[in-house]
Amino acid sequence: VQLVESGGGLVQPGESLRLSCAASGFTFSSAVMSWYRQAPGKERELVALISSAGITRNYADSVKGRFTISRDNVKKMVYLQMNSLKPEDTAVYYCNCGNYWGQGTQVTVSS
């Protein structure tokens, strides 16, 4: 199993970023996929989750209305569109499938 994130970076408050996660080594179309994040000194937290067919999507209260999770089962990709970013969104963002994690991608929101 391999999960490879990309798309992180440094942005100013109010700007947007789109994270991508390329998956391989398992039956992607059957898997629930999630994005987590971990800020310095804090525990890792669930940001968003999407069901295998993309019908069900759940979000942390802190990102509802600003972030959108999506997936492409043909390309074996999961995405996190992040709009109206805030400094408190600064964290390492991880792609997750069950017990498997990507290496993480840094998102920094700062003026």
Foldseek 3Di string as FASTA:
>chain_A
DAKAKDWADEEAAQAKIKMKIADDDDQQLQFKKFKWWDDPPGDIGTAKIAGSPRPDIDGDPVQPPFWDWDDDSVRRMIMIIGGRDDQVVFTWMWMDTVPDIHPTDTHGYHD
